[in-house]
C-alpha atoms as a PDB file:
ATOM      1  CA  MET A   1      86.301  65.571  84.481  1.00  0.00           C
ATOM      2  CA  ILE A   2      86.725  68.749  82.495  1.00  0.00           C
ATOM      3  CA  ARG A   3      86.447  71.947  84.494  1.00  0.00           C
ATOM      4  CA  CYS A   4      84.711  74.831  82.900  1.00  0.00           C
ATOM      5  CA  THR A   5      84.393  78.516  83.778  1.00  0.00           C
ATOM      6  CA  PHE A   6      82.540  81.794  82.810  1.00  0.00           C
ATOM      7  CA  SER A   7      85.235  83.752  84.601  1.00  0.00           C
ATOM      8  CA  ASP A   8      88.585  82.989  83.052  1.00  0.00           C
ATOM      9  CA  ALA A   9      90.685  85.104  85.539  1.00  0.00           C
ATOM     10  CA  LEU A  10      93.541  82.790  86.394  1.00  0.00           C
ATOM     11  CA  LYS A  11      96.508  82.357  83.986  1.00  0.00           C
ATOM     12  CA  ILE A  12      99.816  80.551  84.614  1.00  0.00           C
ATOM     13  CA  LYS A  13     102.934  82.773  84.260  1.00  0.00           C
ATOM     14  CA  GLU A  14     106.634  82.475  84.974  1.00  0.00           C
ATOM     15  CA  ASP A  15     108.092  84.927  87.480  1.00  0.00           C
ATOM     16  CA  ALA A  16     110.643  86.988  85.630  1.00  0.00           C
ATOM     17  CA  ILE A  17     112.992  87.094  88.658  1.00  0.00           C
ATOM     18  CA  THR A  18     112.746  83.717  90.334  1.00  0.00           C
ATOM     19  CA  ARG A  19     111.639  81.607  87.159  1.00  0.00           C
ATOM     20  CA  ASN A  20     109.114  79.928  89.353  1.00  0.00           C
ATOM     21  CA  VAL A  21     105.497  79.220  88.136  1.00  0.00           C
ATOM     22  CA  VAL A  22     103.007  81.686  89.515  1.00  0.00           C
ATOM     23  CA  VAL A  23      99.265  82.229  88.883  1.00  0.00           C
ATOM     24  CA  ASN A  24      98.157  85.493  87.723  1.00  0.00           C
ATOM     25  CA  PHE A  25      94.690  86.599  89.016  1.00  0.00           C
ATOM     26  CA  GLU A  26      93.116  89.076  86.725  1.00  0.00           C
ATOM     27  CA  HIS A  27      90.959  90.965  89.300  1.00  0.00           C
ATOM     28  CA  GLY A  28      88.252  93.443  88.277  1.00  0.00           C
ATOM     29  CA  PHE A  29      89.598  96.312  90.497  1.00  0.00           C
ATOM     30  CA  ARG A  30      90.412  99.531  88.415  1.00  0.00           C
ATOM     31  CA  VAL A  31      93.887  99.711  89.824  1.00  0.00           C
ATOM     32  CA  ASN A  32      97.249  98.812  88.171  1.00  0.00           C
ATOM     33  CA  ILE A  33      98.242  95.990  90.507  1.00  0.00           C
ATOM     34  CA  ASP A  34      99.309  92.509  89.465  1.00  0.00           C
ATOM     35  CA  VAL A  35      98.059  89.874  91.849  1.00  0.00           C
ATOM     36  CA  HIS A  36     100.211  86.639  91.768  1.00  0.00           C
ATOM     37  CA  ILE A  37      99.634  83.393  93.629  1.00  0.00           C
ATOM     38  CA  ALA A  38     102.841  81.652  94.236  1.00  0.00           C
ATOM     39  CA  GLN A  39     103.781  78.226  95.857  1.00  0.00           C
ATOM     40  CA  THR A  40     105.596  78.597  99.049  1.00  0.00           C
ATOM     41  CA  GLU A  41     106.811  76.513 102.081  1.00  0.00           C
ATOM     42  CA  GLU A  42     106.458  79.437 104.505  1.00  0.00           C
ATOM     43  CA  ASN A  43     102.989  78.568 105.718  1.00  0.00           C
ATOM     44  CA  LYS A  44     100.753  75.633 106.204  1.00  0.00           C
ATOM     45  CA  ILE A  45      98.590  76.131 103.071  1.00  0.00           C
ATOM     46  CA  GLY A  46     101.515  75.994 100.698  1.00  0.00           C
ATOM     47  CA  TRP A  47     100.810  79.139  98.674  1.00  0.00           C
ATOM     48  CA  ARG A  48     100.657  82.975  99.090  1.00  0.00           C
ATOM     49  CA  ILE A  49      99.303  86.114  97.368  1.00  0.00           C
ATOM     50  CA  ASN A  50     101.828  88.553  96.086  1.00  0.00           C
ATOM     51  CA  MET A  51     101.023  92.034  94.829  1.00  0.00           C
ATOM     52  CA  HIS A  52     103.139  94.120  92.521  1.00  0.00           C
ATOM     53  CA  GLY A  53     102.680  97.747  91.491  1.00  0.00           C
ATOM     54  CA  ASN A  54     102.752 101.130  93.208  1.00  0.00           C
ATOM     55  CA  SER A  55     103.399 100.686  96.773  1.00  0.00           C
ATOM     56  CA  GLU A  56     101.017 103.386  97.802  1.00  0.00           C
ATOM     57  CA  VAL A  57      98.144 101.908  95.676  1.00  0.00           C
ATOM     58  CA  ILE A  58      98.931  98.394  97.131  1.00  0.00           C
ATOM     59  CA  LYS A  59      98.766  99.803 100.641  1.00  0.00           C
ATOM     60  CA  ALA A  60      95.376 101.432  99.989  1.00  0.00           C
ATOM     61  CA  ALA A  61      93.850  98.402  98.184  1.00  0.00           C
ATOM     62  CA  LYS A  62      95.593  95.434  99.656  1.00  0.00           C
ATOM     63  CA  LYS A  63      92.971  94.324 102.105  1.00  0.00           C
ATOM     64  CA  GLU A  64      90.185  94.336  99.505  1.00  0.00           C
ATOM     65  CA  LEU A  65      92.254  92.811  96.827  1.00  0.00           C
ATOM     66  CA  PHE A  66      93.358  89.985  99.310  1.00  0.00           C
ATOM     67  CA  GLU A  67      89.753  89.293 100.344  1.00  0.00           C
ATOM     68  CA  HIS A  68      88.495  89.483  96.619  1.00  0.00           C
ATOM     69  CA  THR A  69      91.127  86.926  95.619  1.00  0.00           C
ATOM     70  CA  VAL A  70      90.466  84.548  98.530  1.00  0.00           C
ATOM     71  CA  HIS A  71      86.607  84.907  97.866  1.00  0.00           C
ATOM     72  CA  TYR A  72      87.241  84.090  94.157  1.00  0.00           C
ATOM     73  CA  LEU A  73      89.162  80.960  95.023  1.00  0.00           C
ATOM     74  CA  GLU A  74      86.789  79.746  97.655  1.00  0.00           C
ATOM     75  CA  LYS A  75      83.812  80.156  95.342  1.00  0.00           C
ATOM     76  CA  ARG A  76      85.421  78.613  92.255  1.00  0.00           C
ATOM     77  CA  LEU A  77      86.751  75.612  94.287  1.00  0.00           C
ATOM     78  CA  ARG A  78      83.971  75.305  96.822  1.00  0.00           C
ATOM     79  CA  LYS A  79      86.517  74.813  99.413  1.00  0.00           C
ATOM     80  CA  THR A  80      87.508  76.872 102.516  1.00  0.00           C
ATOM     81  CA  LEU A  81      90.767  78.806 102.430  1.00  0.00           C
ATOM     82  CA  ASN A  82      92.772  76.334 104.693  1.00  0.00           C
ATOM     83  CA  THR A  83      91.838  73.432 102.416  1.00  0.00           C
ATOM     84  CA  ILE A  84      92.862  75.000  99.112  1.00  0.00           C
ATOM     85  CA  SER A  85      96.176  73.718  97.669  1.00  0.00           C
ATOM     86  CA  PHE A  86      98.398  75.233  95.102  1.00  0.00           C
ATOM     87  CA  GLU A  87      97.703  72.303  92.863  1.00  0.00           C
ATOM     88  CA  ASP A  88      93.969  73.127  93.205  1.00  0.00           C
ATOM     89  CA  ILE A  89      94.702  76.689  91.912  1.00  0.00           C
ATOM     90  CA  ILE A  90      96.763  75.333  89.035  1.00  0.00           C
ATOM     91  CA  LEU A  91      93.873  73.062  88.024  1.00  0.00           C
ATOM     92  CA  LEU A  92      91.620  76.161  87.748  1.00  0.00           C
ATOM     93  CA  THR A  93      93.959  77.619  85.332  1.00  0.00           C
ATOM     94  CA  GLN A  94      93.220  74.840  83.004  1.00  0.00           C
ATOM     95  CA  ALA A  95      89.449  75.231  83.062  1.00  0.00           C
ATOM     96  CA  LYS A  96      87.927  75.758  79.617  1.00  0.00           C
ATOM     97  CA  PRO A  97      86.225  79.177  79.081  1.00  0.00           C
ATOM     98  CA  ILE A  98      82.463  79.142  78.329  1.00  0.00           C
ATOM     99  CA  LYS A  99      81.341  81.966  76.150  1.00  0.00           C
ATOM    100  CA  SER A 100      77.636  81.219  76.319  1.00  0.00           C
ATOM    101  CA  VAL A 101      75.065  78.694  77.260  1.00  0.00           C
ATOM    102  CA  SER A 102      71.971  77.763  75.333  1.00  0.00           C
ATOM    103  CA  ARG A 103      69.154  75.601  76.264  1.00  0.00           C
ATOM    104  CA  ASN A 104      67.420  73.245  74.027  1.00  0.00           C
ATOM    105  CA  ASP A 105      63.784  72.556  74.981  1.00  0.00           C
END
């Protein structure tokens, strides 16, 4: 099955420091904060959300960015937070973008 999306907000990247694969979430917030989703063994779900940028801006927008990221993943995957795996998120990065839809009657 091919996954398609109107919102191509997830991109695979390599973390410059750790050289691990991370998923960059291109949020719609007007702040200069990079949101990365990284695989981890530190929690039960197997991934975590990292934010990079000005620490004061992160402090002010962290809650909203976190909630927005989780909401995006839950809606795209149609799963609850505790059932989303890092592999699910990687699969979303491979979705084909849809530019428009037309209907033939």
